Amino acid sequence: MAGRFALYTDADVPGAIVDGLVRTGWDVVRAVDLHPEGTDDLVHFEHALREGRVLVAPDEDQEDIALRWLVEGRSFPGLVTWEREHEGRMTVGDFLRQLEALAEQDEPLRYPLVYLKPRG
């Protein structure tokens, strides 16, 4: 079903992206509001899972956790990620547009690992 989904932003998500998500009405919980700096990535992954939120994280360790869970047949709401090098090639608007486009799909997280990429 199309529509926005609840998000959990990892501490590695740039503040401007988090601010943009909040400003445009996304339901966002920030890792930095719940756990101290340096908290293990698995804690964040499992917190997002317990709350039924899609984790947003440009973090290879989070991607590794998601891939391991997929291989093990374990379900989770989703992980939206990108390569950090793309942050310099994408505006906050680019990130927001891609999330909005994802939310408009009939089954946006049928495959729960989504990669955001720069245009072209």
PDB file of N, CA and C in Angstrom:
ATOM      1  N   MET A   1       0.840  -1.175   0.000  1.00  0.00           N
ATOM      2  CA  MET A   1       0.000   0.000   0.000  1.00  0.00           C
ATOM      3  C   MET A   1       0.891   1.247   0.000  1.00  0.00           C
ATOM      4  N   ALA A   2       0.585   2.160  -0.880  1.00  0.00           N
ATOM      5  CA  ALA A   2       1.354   3.388  -0.980  1.00  0.00           C
ATOM      6  C   ALA A   2       1.105   4.270   0.233  1.00  0.00           C
ATOM      7  N   GLY A   3       2.078   5.088   0.541  1.00  0.00           N
ATOM      8  CA  GLY A   3       1.956   6.043   1.634  1.00  0.00           C
ATOM      9  C   GLY A   3       3.230   6.125   2.430  1.00  0.00           C
ATOM     10  N   ARG A   4       3.346   7.212   3.133  1.00  0.00           N
ATOM     11  CA  ARG A   4       4.536   7.407   3.953  1.00  0.00           C
ATOM     12  C   ARG A   4       4.610   6.370   5.065  1.00  0.00           C
ATOM     13  N   PHE A   5       5.809   6.066   5.465  1.00  0.00           N
ATOM     14  CA  PHE A   5       6.062   5.096   6.522  1.00  0.00           C
ATOM     15  C   PHE A   5       6.881   5.778   7.599  1.00  0.00           C
ATOM     16  N   ALA A   6       6.800   5.275   8.806  1.00  0.00           N
ATOM     17  CA  ALA A   6       7.529   5.848   9.933  1.00  0.00           C
ATOM     18  C   ALA A   6       9.022   5.580   9.777  1.00  0.00           C
ATOM     19  N   LEU A   7       9.839   6.580  10.130  1.00  0.00           N
ATOM     20  CA  LEU A   7      11.279   6.492   9.949  1.00  0.00           C
ATOM     21  C   LEU A   7      12.025   6.564  11.277  1.00  0.00           C
ATOM     22  N   TYR A   8      13.192   5.925  11.292  1.00  0.00           N
ATOM     23  CA  TYR A   8      14.142   6.012  12.401  1.00  0.00           C
ATOM     24  C   TYR A   8      15.455   6.411  11.765  1.00  0.00           C
ATOM     25  N   THR A   9      15.948   7.611  12.062  1.00  0.00           N
ATOM     26  CA  THR A   9      17.177   8.069  11.432  1.00  0.00           C
ATOM     27  C   THR A   9      18.383   7.778  12.314  1.00  0.00           C
ATOM     28  N   ASP A  10      19.338   7.095  11.725  1.00  0.00           N
ATOM     29  CA  ASP A  10      20.606   6.778  12.365  1.00  0.00           C
ATOM     30  C   ASP A  10      21.365   8.077  12.632  1.00  0.00           C
ATOM     31  N   ALA A  11      22.258   8.038  13.596  1.00  0.00           N
ATOM     32  CA  ALA A  11      23.042   9.217  13.949  1.00  0.00           C
ATOM     33  C   ALA A  11      23.892   9.719  12.784  1.00  0.00           C
ATOM     34  N   ASP A  12      24.154   8.887  11.779  1.00  0.00           N
ATOM     35  CA  ASP A  12      24.986   9.272  10.641  1.00  0.00           C
ATOM     36  C   ASP A  12      24.225  10.026   9.556  1.00  0.00           C
ATOM     37  N   VAL A  13      22.906  10.170   9.701  1.00  0.00           N
ATOM     38  CA  VAL A  13      22.136  10.912   8.703  1.00  0.00           C
ATOM     39  C   VAL A  13      22.381  12.408   8.934  1.00  0.00           C
ATOM     40  N   PRO A  14      22.811  13.125   7.896  1.00  0.00           N
ATOM     41  CA  PRO A  14      23.057  14.559   8.073  1.00  0.00           C
ATOM     42  C   PRO A  14      21.829  15.296   8.614  1.00  0.00           C
ATOM     43  N   GLY A  15      22.091  16.234   9.507  1.00  0.00           N
ATOM     44  CA  GLY A  15      21.007  16.985  10.142  1.00  0.00           C
ATOM     45  C   GLY A  15      20.093  17.679   9.162  1.00  0.00           C
ATOM     46  N   ALA A  16      20.638  18.172   8.058  1.00  0.00           N
ATOM     47  CA  ALA A  16      19.805  18.863   7.066  1.00  0.00           C
ATOM     48  C   ALA A  16      18.765  17.916   6.457  1.00  0.00           C
ATOM     49  N   ILE A  17      19.127  16.654   6.282  1.00  0.00           N
ATOM     50  CA  ILE A  17      18.171  15.675   5.746  1.00  0.00           C
ATOM     51  C   ILE A  17      17.094  15.394   6.789  1.00  0.00           C
ATOM     52  N   VAL A  18      17.508  15.187   8.040  1.00  0.00           N
ATOM     53  CA  VAL A  18      16.531  14.946   9.112  1.00  0.00           C
ATOM     54  C   VAL A  18      15.589  16.141   9.220  1.00  0.00           C
ATOM     55  N   ASP A  19      16.136  17.359   9.224  1.00  0.00           N
ATOM     56  CA  ASP A  19      15.314  18.564   9.314  1.00  0.00           C
ATOM     57  C   ASP A  19      14.329  18.633   8.150  1.00  0.00           C
ATOM     58  N   GLY A  20      14.795  18.289   6.953  1.00  0.00           N
ATOM     59  CA  GLY A  20      13.916  18.296   5.784  1.00  0.00           C
ATOM     60  C   GLY A  20      12.787  17.291   5.909  1.00  0.00           C
ATOM     61  N   LEU A  21      13.104  16.110   6.417  1.00  0.00           N
ATOM     62  CA  LEU A  21      12.063  15.094   6.625  1.00  0.00           C
ATOM     63  C   LEU A  21      11.006  15.586   7.607  1.00  0.00           C
ATOM     64  N   VAL A  22      11.463  16.137   8.706  1.00  0.00           N
ATOM     65  CA  VAL A  22      10.534  16.637   9.725  1.00  0.00           C
ATOM     66  C   VAL A  22       9.711  17.795   9.159  1.00  0.00           C
ATOM     67  N   ARG A  23      10.373  18.721   8.503  1.00  0.00           N
ATOM     68  CA  ARG A  23       9.700  19.901   7.948  1.00  0.00           C
ATOM     69  C   ARG A  23       8.625  19.527   6.933  1.00  0.00           C
ATOM     70  N   THR A  24       8.839  18.437   6.188  1.00  0.00           N
ATOM     71  CA  THR A  24       7.861  18.031   5.174  1.00  0.00           C
ATOM     72  C   THR A  24       6.842  17.027   5.703  1.00  0.00           C
ATOM     73  N   GLY A  25       6.854  16.793   7.020  1.00  0.00           N
ATOM     74  CA  GLY A  25       5.788  16.019   7.630  1.00  0.00           C
ATOM     75  C   GLY A  25       6.014  14.532   7.809  1.00  0.00           C
ATOM     76  N   TRP A  26       7.218  14.045   7.581  1.00  0.00           N
ATOM     77  CA  TRP A  26       7.498  12.633   7.828  1.00  0.00           C
ATOM     78  C   TRP A  26       7.498  12.365   9.328  1.00  0.00           C
ATOM     79  N   ASP A  27       7.079  11.183   9.728  1.00  0.00           N
ATOM     80  CA  ASP A  27       7.118  10.734  11.124  1.00  0.00           C
ATOM     81  C   ASP A  27       8.531  10.209  11.378  1.00  0.00           C
ATOM     82  N   VAL A  28       9.339  10.998  12.099  1.00  0.00           N
ATOM     83  CA  VAL A  28      10.759  10.696  12.279  1.00  0.00           C
ATOM     84  C   VAL A  28      11.103  10.582  13.757  1.00  0.00           C
ATOM     85  N   VAL A  29      11.793   9.508  14.102  1.00  0.00           N
ATOM     86  CA  VAL A  29      12.430   9.364  15.411  1.00  0.00           C
ATOM     87  C   VAL A  29      13.923   9.343  15.145  1.00  0.00           C
ATOM     88  N   ARG A  30      14.660  10.156  15.903  1.00  0.00           N
ATOM     89  CA  ARG A  30      16.110  10.258  15.707  1.00  0.00           C
ATOM     90  C   ARG A  30      16.851   9.404  16.723  1.00  0.00           C
ATOM     91  N   ALA A  31      17.819   8.648  16.253  1.00  0.00           N
ATOM     92  CA  ALA A  31      18.639   7.808  17.130  1.00  0.00           C
ATOM     93  C   ALA A  31      19.305   8.643  18.210  1.00  0.00           C
ATOM     94  N   VAL A  32      19.747   9.844  17.851  1.00  0.00           N
ATOM     95  CA  VAL A  32      20.468  10.688  18.807  1.00  0.00           C
ATOM     96  C   VAL A  32      19.595  11.129  19.979  1.00  0.00           C
ATOM     97  N   ASP A  33      18.276  11.031  19.831  1.00  0.00           N
ATOM     98  CA  ASP A  33      17.371  11.385  20.924  1.00  0.00           C
ATOM     99  C   ASP A  33      17.130  10.213  21.869  1.00  0.00           C
ATOM    100  N   LEU A  34      17.537   9.013  21.468  1.00  0.00           N
ATOM    101  CA  LEU A  34      17.221   7.816  22.244  1.00  0.00           C
ATOM    102  C   LEU A  34      18.434   7.109  22.826  1.00  0.00           C
ATOM    103  N   HIS A  35      19.557   7.209  22.152  1.00  0.00           N
ATOM    104  CA  HIS A  35      20.737   6.444  22.550  1.00  0.00           C
ATOM    105  C   HIS A  35      21.970   7.336  22.539  1.00  0.00           C
ATOM    106  N   PRO A  36      22.924   7.080  23.426  1.00  0.00           N
ATOM    107  CA  PRO A  36      24.149   7.891  23.447  1.00  0.00           C
ATOM    108  C   PRO A  36      25.005   7.670  22.203  1.00  0.00           C
ATOM    109  N   GLU A  37      25.825   8.657  21.909  1.00  0.00           N
ATOM    110  CA  GLU A  37      26.764   8.555  20.791  1.00  0.00           C
ATOM    111  C   GLU A  37      27.617   7.306  20.963  1.00  0.00           C
ATOM    112  N   GLY A  38      27.869   6.618  19.871  1.00  0.00           N
ATOM    113  CA  GLY A  38      28.696   5.418  19.911  1.00  0.00           C
ATOM    114  C   GLY A  38      27.931   4.135  20.169  1.00  0.00           C
ATOM    115  N   THR A  39      26.599   4.237  20.283  1.00  0.00           N
ATOM    116  CA  THR A  39      25.788   3.036  20.482  1.00  0.00           C
ATOM    117  C   THR A  39      25.950   2.106  19.289  1.00  0.00           C
ATOM    118  N   ASP A  40      26.053   0.821  19.561  1.00  0.00           N
ATOM    119  CA  ASP A  40      26.227  -0.191  18.523  1.00  0.00           C
ATOM    120  C   ASP A  40      25.107  -0.120  17.485  1.00  0.00           C
ATOM    121  N   ASP A  41      25.455  -0.297  16.217  1.00  0.00           N
ATOM    122  CA  ASP A  41      24.476  -0.224  15.130  1.00  0.00           C
ATOM    123  C   ASP A  41      23.337  -1.222  15.283  1.00  0.00           C
ATOM    124  N   LEU A  42      23.632  -2.400  15.801  1.00  0.00           N
ATOM    125  CA  LEU A  42      22.580  -3.393  15.966  1.00  0.00           C
ATOM    126  C   LEU A  42      21.492  -2.902  16.927  1.00  0.00           C
ATOM    127  N   VAL A  43      21.865  -2.125  17.926  1.00  0.00           N
ATOM    128  CA  VAL A  43      20.879  -1.552  18.856  1.00  0.00           C
ATOM    129  C   VAL A  43      19.904  -0.661  18.084  1.00  0.00           C
ATOM    130  N   HIS A  44      20.425   0.160  17.190  1.00  0.00           N
ATOM    131  CA  HIS A  44      19.563   1.039  16.384  1.00  0.00           C
ATOM    132  C   HIS A  44      18.695   0.220  15.428  1.00  0.00           C
ATOM    133  N   PHE A  45      19.300  -0.764  14.792  1.00  0.00           N
ATOM    134  CA  PHE A  45      18.558  -1.615  13.853  1.00  0.00           C
ATOM    135  C   PHE A  45      17.390  -2.277  14.566  1.00  0.00           C
ATOM    136  N   GLU A  46      17.658  -2.857  15.724  1.00  0.00           N
ATOM    137  CA  GLU A  46      16.609  -3.560  16.477  1.00  0.00           C
ATOM    138  C   GLU A  46      15.593  -2.594  17.069  1.00  0.00           C
ATOM    139  N   HIS A  47      16.004  -1.389  17.436  1.00  0.00           N
ATOM    140  CA  HIS A  47      15.053  -0.397  17.942  1.00  0.00           C
ATOM    141  C   HIS A  47      14.065  -0.031  16.840  1.00  0.00           C
ATOM    142  N   ALA A  48      14.581   0.236  15.643  1.00  0.00           N
ATOM    143  CA  ALA A  48      13.704   0.546  14.515  1.00  0.00           C
ATOM    144  C   ALA A  48      12.738  -0.609  14.264  1.00  0.00           C
ATOM    145  N   LEU A  49      13.237  -1.829  14.334  1.00  0.00           N
ATOM    146  CA  LEU A  49      12.402  -3.017  14.149  1.00  0.00           C
ATOM    147  C   LEU A  49      11.278  -3.076  15.176  1.00  0.00           C
ATOM    148  N   ARG A  50      11.632  -2.916  16.457  1.00  0.00           N
ATOM    149  CA  ARG A  50      10.619  -2.975  17.521  1.00  0.00           C
ATOM    150  C   ARG A  50       9.531  -1.921  17.338  1.00  0.00           C
ATOM    151  N   GLU A  51       9.910  -0.767  16.838  1.00  0.00           N
ATOM    152  CA  GLU A  51       8.956   0.333  16.670  1.00  0.00           C
ATOM    153  C   GLU A  51       8.247   0.285  15.313  1.00  0.00           C
ATOM    154  N   GLY A  52       8.610  -0.683  14.470  1.00  0.00           N
ATOM    155  CA  GLY A  52       7.996  -0.782  13.150  1.00  0.00           C
ATOM    156  C   GLY A  52       8.389   0.359  12.227  1.00  0.00           C
ATOM    157  N   ARG A  53       9.585   0.883  12.415  1.00  0.00           N
ATOM    158  CA  ARG A  53      10.054   2.018  11.624  1.00  0.00           C
ATOM    159  C   ARG A  53      11.104   1.575  10.610  1.00  0.00           C
ATOM    160  N   VAL A  54      11.140   2.260   9.497  1.00  0.00           N
ATOM    161  CA  VAL A  54      12.161   2.030   8.484  1.00  0.00           C
ATOM    162  C   VAL A  54      13.405   2.799   8.917  1.00  0.00           C
ATOM    163  N   LEU A  55      14.517   2.103   8.968  1.00  0.00           N
ATOM    164  CA  LEU A  55      15.780   2.717   9.348  1.00  0.00           C
ATOM    165  C   LEU A  55      16.357   3.467   8.154  1.00  0.00           C
ATOM    166  N   VAL A  56      16.802   4.687   8.390  1.00  0.00           N
ATOM    167  CA  VAL A  56      17.451   5.504   7.375  1.00  0.00           C
ATOM    168  C   VAL A  56      18.891   5.692   7.837  1.00  0.00           C
ATOM    169  N   ALA A  57      19.847   5.186   7.054  1.00  0.00           N
ATOM    170  CA  ALA A  57      21.238   5.212   7.513  1.00  0.00           C
ATOM    171  C   ALA A  57      22.214   5.059   6.349  1.00  0.00           C
ATOM    172  N   PRO A  58      23.130   6.018   6.179  1.00  0.00           N
ATOM    173  CA  PRO A  58      24.183   5.865   5.172  1.00  0.00           C
ATOM    174  C   PRO A  58      25.372   5.138   5.801  1.00  0.00           C
ATOM    175  N   ASP A  59      25.145   3.927   6.198  1.00  0.00           N
ATOM    176  CA  ASP A  59      26.094   3.243   7.074  1.00  0.00           C
ATOM    177  C   ASP A  59      26.293   1.812   6.571  1.00  0.00           C
ATOM    178  N   GLU A  60      27.507   1.485   6.199  1.00  0.00           N
ATOM    179  CA  GLU A  60      27.784   0.132   5.689  1.00  0.00           C
ATOM    180  C   GLU A  60      27.512  -0.936   6.741  1.00  0.00           C
ATOM    181  N   ASP A  61      27.739  -0.617   8.008  1.00  0.00           N
ATOM    182  CA  ASP A  61      27.473  -1.601   9.056  1.00  0.00           C
ATOM    183  C   ASP A  61      25.981  -1.920   9.135  1.00  0.00           C
ATOM    184  N   GLN A  62      25.127  -0.906   8.981  1.00  0.00           N
ATOM    185  CA  GLN A  62      23.682  -1.149   8.983  1.00  0.00           C
ATOM    186  C   GLN A  62      23.293  -1.972   7.748  1.00  0.00           C
ATOM    187  N   GLU A  63      23.913  -1.670   6.628  1.00  0.00           N
ATOM    188  CA  GLU A  63      23.656  -2.440   5.412  1.00  0.00           C
ATOM    189  C   GLU A  63      24.062  -3.895   5.617  1.00  0.00           C
ATOM    190  N   ASP A  64      25.200  -4.128   6.254  1.00  0.00           N
ATOM    191  CA  ASP A  64      25.654  -5.497   6.535  1.00  0.00           C
ATOM    192  C   ASP A  64      24.663  -6.236   7.426  1.00  0.00           C
ATOM    193  N   ILE A  65      24.133  -5.543   8.428  1.00  0.00           N
ATOM    194  CA  ILE A  65      23.128  -6.162   9.311  1.00  0.00           C
ATOM    195  C   ILE A  65      21.901  -6.540   8.495  1.00  0.00           C
ATOM    196  N   ALA A  66      21.421  -5.617   7.667  1.00  0.00           N
ATOM    197  CA  ALA A  66      20.230  -5.883   6.849  1.00  0.00           C
ATOM    198  C   ALA A  66      20.464  -7.062   5.914  1.00  0.00           C
ATOM    199  N   LEU A  67      21.608  -7.103   5.271  1.00  0.00           N
ATOM    200  CA  LEU A  67      21.908  -8.213   4.356  1.00  0.00           C
ATOM    201  C   LEU A  67      21.989  -9.541   5.105  1.00  0.00           C
ATOM    202  N   ARG A  68      22.598  -9.517   6.283  1.00  0.00           N
ATOM    203  CA  ARG A  68      22.671 -10.748   7.084  1.00  0.00           C
ATOM    204  C   ARG A  68      21.263 -11.218   7.460  1.00  0.00           C
ATOM    205  N   TRP A  69      20.414 -10.297   7.867  1.00  0.00           N
ATOM    206  CA  TRP A  69      19.048 -10.666   8.233  1.00  0.00           C
ATOM    207  C   TRP A  69      18.296 -11.230   7.029  1.00  0.00           C
ATOM    208  N   LEU A  70      18.498 -10.646   5.851  1.00  0.00           N
ATOM    209  CA  LEU A  70      17.840 -11.167   4.655  1.00  0.00           C
ATOM    210  C   LEU A  70      18.291 -12.592   4.363  1.00  0.00           C
ATOM    211  N   VAL A  71      19.584 -12.840   4.448  1.00  0.00           N
ATOM    212  CA  VAL A  71      20.121 -14.181   4.212  1.00  0.00           C
ATOM    213  C   VAL A  71      19.550 -15.175   5.222  1.00  0.00           C
ATOM    214  N   GLU A  72      19.384 -14.720   6.466  1.00  0.00           N
ATOM    215  CA  GLU A  72      18.855 -15.582   7.524  1.00  0.00           C
ATOM    216  C   GLU A  72      17.330 -15.723   7.465  1.00  0.00           C
ATOM    217  N   GLY A  73      16.690 -15.003   6.550  1.00  0.00           N
ATOM    218  CA  GLY A  73      15.241 -15.085   6.422  1.00  0.00           C
ATOM    219  C   GLY A  73      14.485 -14.313   7.490  1.00  0.00           C
ATOM    220  N   ARG A  74      15.156 -13.378   8.132  1.00  0.00           N
ATOM    221  CA  ARG A  74      14.531 -12.564   9.181  1.00  0.00           C
ATOM    222  C   ARG A  74      13.947 -11.306   8.557  1.00  0.00           C
ATOM    223  N   SER A  75      12.762 -10.944   8.989  1.00  0.00           N
ATOM    224  CA  SER A  75      12.122  -9.767   8.415  1.00  0.00           C
ATOM    225  C   SER A  75      12.405  -8.526   9.259  1.00  0.00           C
ATOM    226  N   PHE A  76      12.318  -7.383   8.599  1.00  0.00           N
ATOM    227  CA  PHE A  76      12.454  -6.082   9.247  1.00  0.00           C
ATOM    228  C   PHE A  76      11.739  -5.072   8.356  1.00  0.00           C
ATOM    229  N   PRO A  77      11.318  -3.933   8.932  1.00  0.00           N
ATOM    230  CA  PRO A  77      10.522  -2.979   8.152  1.00  0.00           C
ATOM    231  C   PRO A  77      11.238  -2.424   6.929  1.00  0.00           C
ATOM    232  N   GLY A  78      12.534  -2.209   7.029  1.00  0.00           N
ATOM    233  CA  GLY A  78      13.267  -1.708   5.877  1.00  0.00           C
ATOM    234  C   GLY A  78      14.472  -0.897   6.282  1.00  0.00           C
ATOM    235  N   LEU A  79      15.392  -0.764   5.333  1.00  0.00           N
ATOM    236  CA  LEU A  79      16.555   0.094   5.479  1.00  0.00           C
ATOM    237  C   LEU A  79      16.680   0.910   4.201  1.00  0.00           C
ATOM    238  N   VAL A  80      16.703   2.219   4.347  1.00  0.00           N
ATOM    239  CA  VAL A  80      16.971   3.125   3.237  1.00  0.00           C
ATOM    240  C   VAL A  80      18.392   3.627   3.451  1.00  0.00           C
ATOM    241  N   THR A  81      19.246   3.416   2.460  1.00  0.00           N
ATOM    242  CA  THR A  81      20.659   3.741   2.621  1.00  0.00           C
ATOM    243  C   THR A  81      21.218   4.341   1.340  1.00  0.00           C
ATOM    244  N   TRP A  82      22.438   4.814   1.417  1.00  0.00           N
ATOM    245  CA  TRP A  82      23.159   5.360   0.275  1.00  0.00           C
ATOM    246  C   TRP A  82      24.642   5.347   0.597  1.00  0.00           C
ATOM    247  N   GLU A  83      25.431   5.450  -0.440  1.00  0.00           N
ATOM    248  CA  GLU A  83      26.876   5.545  -0.248  1.00  0.00           C
ATOM    249  C   GLU A  83      27.192   6.970   0.183  1.00  0.00           C
ATOM    250  N   ARG A  84      28.010   7.113   1.208  1.00  0.00           N
ATOM    251  CA  ARG A  84      28.327   8.449   1.734  1.00  0.00           C
ATOM    252  C   ARG A  84      28.891   9.384   0.672  1.00  0.00           C
ATOM    253  N   GLU A  85      29.604   8.825  -0.284  1.00  0.00           N
ATOM    254  CA  GLU A  85      30.167   9.676  -1.340  1.00  0.00           C
ATOM    255  C   GLU A  85      29.077  10.380  -2.136  1.00  0.00           C
ATOM    256  N   HIS A  86      27.847   9.830  -2.119  1.00  0.00           N
ATOM    257  CA  HIS A  86      26.739  10.456  -2.837  1.00  0.00           C
ATOM    258  C   HIS A  86      26.229  11.713  -2.145  1.00  0.00           C
ATOM    259  N   GLU A  87      26.504  11.863  -0.861  1.00  0.00           N
ATOM    260  CA  GLU A  87      25.992  13.027  -0.136  1.00  0.00           C
ATOM    261  C   GLU A  87      26.453  14.328  -0.775  1.00  0.00           C
ATOM    262  N   GLY A  88      27.656  14.360  -1.318  1.00  0.00           N
ATOM    263  CA  GLY A  88      28.153  15.558  -1.977  1.00  0.00           C
ATOM    264  C   GLY A  88      27.544  15.785  -3.350  1.00  0.00           C
ATOM    265  N   ARG A  89      26.908  14.768  -3.898  1.00  0.00           N
ATOM    266  CA  ARG A  89      26.316  14.848  -5.235  1.00  0.00           C
ATOM    267  C   ARG A  89      24.806  14.924  -5.202  1.00  0.00           C
ATOM    268  N   MET A  90      24.239  14.914  -3.996  1.00  0.00           N
ATOM    269  CA  MET A  90      22.783  14.964  -3.853  1.00  0.00           C
ATOM    270  C   MET A  90      22.409  16.091  -2.887  1.00  0.00           C
ATOM    271  N   THR A  91      21.369  16.819  -3.233  1.00  0.00           N
ATOM    272  CA  THR A  91      20.867  17.858  -2.338  1.00  0.00           C
ATOM    273  C   THR A  91      19.885  17.233  -1.356  1.00  0.00           C
ATOM    274  N   VAL A  92      19.537  17.991  -0.337  1.00  0.00           N
ATOM    275  CA  VAL A  92      18.499  17.533   0.584  1.00  0.00           C
ATOM    276  C   VAL A  92      17.218  17.265  -0.199  1.00  0.00           C
ATOM    277  N   GLY A  93      16.918  18.136  -1.145  1.00  0.00           N
ATOM    278  CA  GLY A  93      15.738  17.936  -1.994  1.00  0.00           C
ATOM    279  C   GLY A  93      15.779  16.625  -2.752  1.00  0.00           C
ATOM    280  N   ASP A  94      16.966  16.232  -3.225  1.00  0.00           N
ATOM    281  CA  ASP A  94      17.108  14.943  -3.927  1.00  0.00           C
ATOM    282  C   ASP A  94      16.734  13.790  -2.992  1.00  0.00           C
ATOM    283  N   PHE A  95      17.237  13.821  -1.747  1.00  0.00           N
ATOM    284  CA  PHE A  95      16.909  12.772  -0.791  1.00  0.00           C
ATOM    285  C   PHE A  95      15.407  12.735  -0.530  1.00  0.00           C
ATOM    286  N   LEU A  96      14.827  13.904  -0.307  1.00  0.00           N
ATOM    287  CA  LEU A  96      13.392  13.966   0.002  1.00  0.00           C
ATOM    288  C   LEU A  96      12.548  13.486  -1.173  1.00  0.00           C
ATOM    289  N   ARG A  97      12.903  13.899  -2.379  1.00  0.00           N
ATOM    290  CA  ARG A  97      12.145  13.457  -3.568  1.00  0.00           C
ATOM    291  C   ARG A  97      12.205  11.947  -3.727  1.00  0.00           C
ATOM    292  N   GLN A  98      13.371  11.361  -3.490  1.00  0.00           N
ATOM    293  CA  GLN A  98      13.486   9.905  -3.636  1.00  0.00           C
ATOM    294  C   GLN A  98      12.662   9.174  -2.572  1.00  0.00           C
ATOM    295  N   LEU A  99      12.643   9.695  -1.362  1.00  0.00           N
ATOM    296  CA  LEU A  99      11.807   9.072  -0.327  1.00  0.00           C
ATOM    297  C   LEU A  99      10.327   9.226  -0.664  1.00  0.00           C
ATOM    298  N   GLU A 100       9.931  10.389  -1.149  1.00  0.00           N
ATOM    299  CA  GLU A 100       8.530  10.598  -1.548  1.00  0.00           C
ATOM    300  C   GLU A 100       8.156   9.647  -2.683  1.00  0.00           C
ATOM    301  N   ALA A 101       9.047   9.501  -3.665  1.00  0.00           N
ATOM    302  CA  ALA A 101       8.778   8.589  -4.782  1.00  0.00           C
ATOM    303  C   ALA A 101       8.657   7.152  -4.280  1.00  0.00           C
ATOM    304  N   LEU A 102       9.475   6.783  -3.333  1.00  0.00           N
ATOM    305  CA  LEU A 102       9.398   5.452  -2.746  1.00  0.00           C
ATOM    306  C   LEU A 102       8.054   5.259  -2.054  1.00  0.00           C
ATOM    307  N   ALA A 103       7.639   6.260  -1.296  1.00  0.00           N
ATOM    308  CA  ALA A 103       6.368   6.168  -0.553  1.00  0.00           C
ATOM    309  C   ALA A 103       5.167   6.082  -1.488  1.00  0.00           C
ATOM    310  N   GLU A 104       5.288   6.568  -2.710  1.00  0.00           N
ATOM    311  CA  GLU A 104       4.182   6.531  -3.669  1.00  0.00           C
ATOM    312  C   GLU A 104       4.017   5.170  -4.331  1.00  0.00           C
ATOM    313  N   GLN A 105       4.998   4.294  -4.200  1.00  0.00           N
ATOM    314  CA  GLN A 105       4.910   2.973  -4.818  1.00  0.00           C
ATOM    315  C   GLN A 105       3.884   2.110  -4.081  1.00  0.00           C
ATOM    316  N   ASP A 106       3.282   1.170  -4.793  1.00  0.00           N
ATOM    317  CA  ASP A 106       2.289   0.282  -4.185  1.00  0.00           C
ATOM    318  C   ASP A 106       2.886  -0.561  -3.069  1.00  0.00           C
ATOM    319  N   GLU A 107       4.060  -1.102  -3.272  1.00  0.00           N
ATOM    320  CA  GLU A 107       4.746  -1.891  -2.244  1.00  0.00           C
ATOM    321  C   GLU A 107       6.173  -1.355  -2.113  1.00  0.00           C
ATOM    322  N   PRO A 108       6.325  -0.215  -1.445  1.00  0.00           N
ATOM    323  CA  PRO A 108       7.625   0.459  -1.456  1.00  0.00           C
ATOM    324  C   PRO A 108       8.766  -0.327  -0.826  1.00  0.00           C
ATOM    325  N   LEU A 109       8.455  -1.189   0.109  1.00  0.00           N
ATOM    326  CA  LEU A 109       9.517  -1.925   0.794  1.00  0.00           C
ATOM    327  C   LEU A 109       9.317  -3.431   0.680  1.00  0.00           C
ATOM    328  N   ARG A 110       8.792  -3.836  -0.470  1.00  0.00           N
ATOM    329  CA  ARG A 110       8.639  -5.284  -0.708  1.00  0.00           C
ATOM    330  C   ARG A 110       9.996  -5.968  -0.540  1.00  0.00           C
ATOM    331  N   TYR A 111      11.024  -5.370  -1.123  1.00  0.00           N
ATOM    332  CA  TYR A 111      12.405  -5.756  -0.818  1.00  0.00           C
ATOM    333  C   TYR A 111      12.879  -4.692   0.159  1.00  0.00           C
ATOM    334  N   PRO A 112      13.182  -5.071   1.395  1.00  0.00           N
ATOM    335  CA  PRO A 112      13.353  -4.076   2.451  1.00  0.00           C
ATOM    336  C   PRO A 112      14.673  -3.311   2.475  1.00  0.00           C
ATOM    337  N   LEU A 113      15.482  -3.451   1.445  1.00  0.00           N
ATOM    338  CA  LEU A 113      16.744  -2.730   1.391  1.00  0.00           C
ATOM    339  C   LEU A 113      16.702  -1.836   0.148  1.00  0.00           C
ATOM    340  N   VAL A 114      16.703  -0.524   0.380  1.00  0.00           N
ATOM    341  CA  VAL A 114      16.547   0.453  -0.701  1.00  0.00           C
ATOM    342  C   VAL A 114      17.768   1.361  -0.730  1.00  0.00           C
ATOM    343  N   TYR A 115      18.319   1.540  -1.922  1.00  0.00           N
ATOM    344  CA  TYR A 115      19.503   2.387  -2.098  1.00  0.00           C
ATOM    345  C   TYR A 115      19.092   3.677  -2.814  1.00  0.00           C
ATOM    346  N   LEU A 116      19.423   4.814  -2.207  1.00  0.00           N
ATOM    347  CA  LEU A 116      19.217   6.112  -2.862  1.00  0.00           C
ATOM    348  C   LEU A 116      20.485   6.439  -3.632  1.00  0.00           C
ATOM    349  N   LYS A 117      20.285   7.046  -4.835  1.00  0.00           N
ATOM    350  CA  LYS A 117      21.418   7.353  -5.704  1.00  0.00           C
ATOM    351  C   LYS A 117      21.223   8.708  -6.349  1.00  0.00           C
ATOM    352  N   PRO A 118      22.339   9.349  -6.727  1.00  0.00           N
ATOM    353  CA  PRO A 118      22.218  10.612  -7.445  1.00  0.00           C
ATOM    354  C   PRO A 118      21.583  10.396  -8.810  1.00  0.00           C
ATOM    355  N   ARG A 119      20.972  11.424  -9.327  1.00  0.00           N
ATOM    356  CA  ARG A 119      20.383  11.329 -10.676  1.00  0.00           C
ATOM    357  C   ARG A 119      21.479  11.142 -11.702  1.00  0.00           C
ATOM    358  N   GLY A 120      21.101  10.409 -12.755  1.00  0.00           N
ATOM    359  CA  GLY A 120      22.008  10.236 -13.893  1.00  0.00           C
ATOM    360  C   GLY A 120      23.183   9.525 -13.551  1.00  0.00           C
TER     361      GLY A 120
END
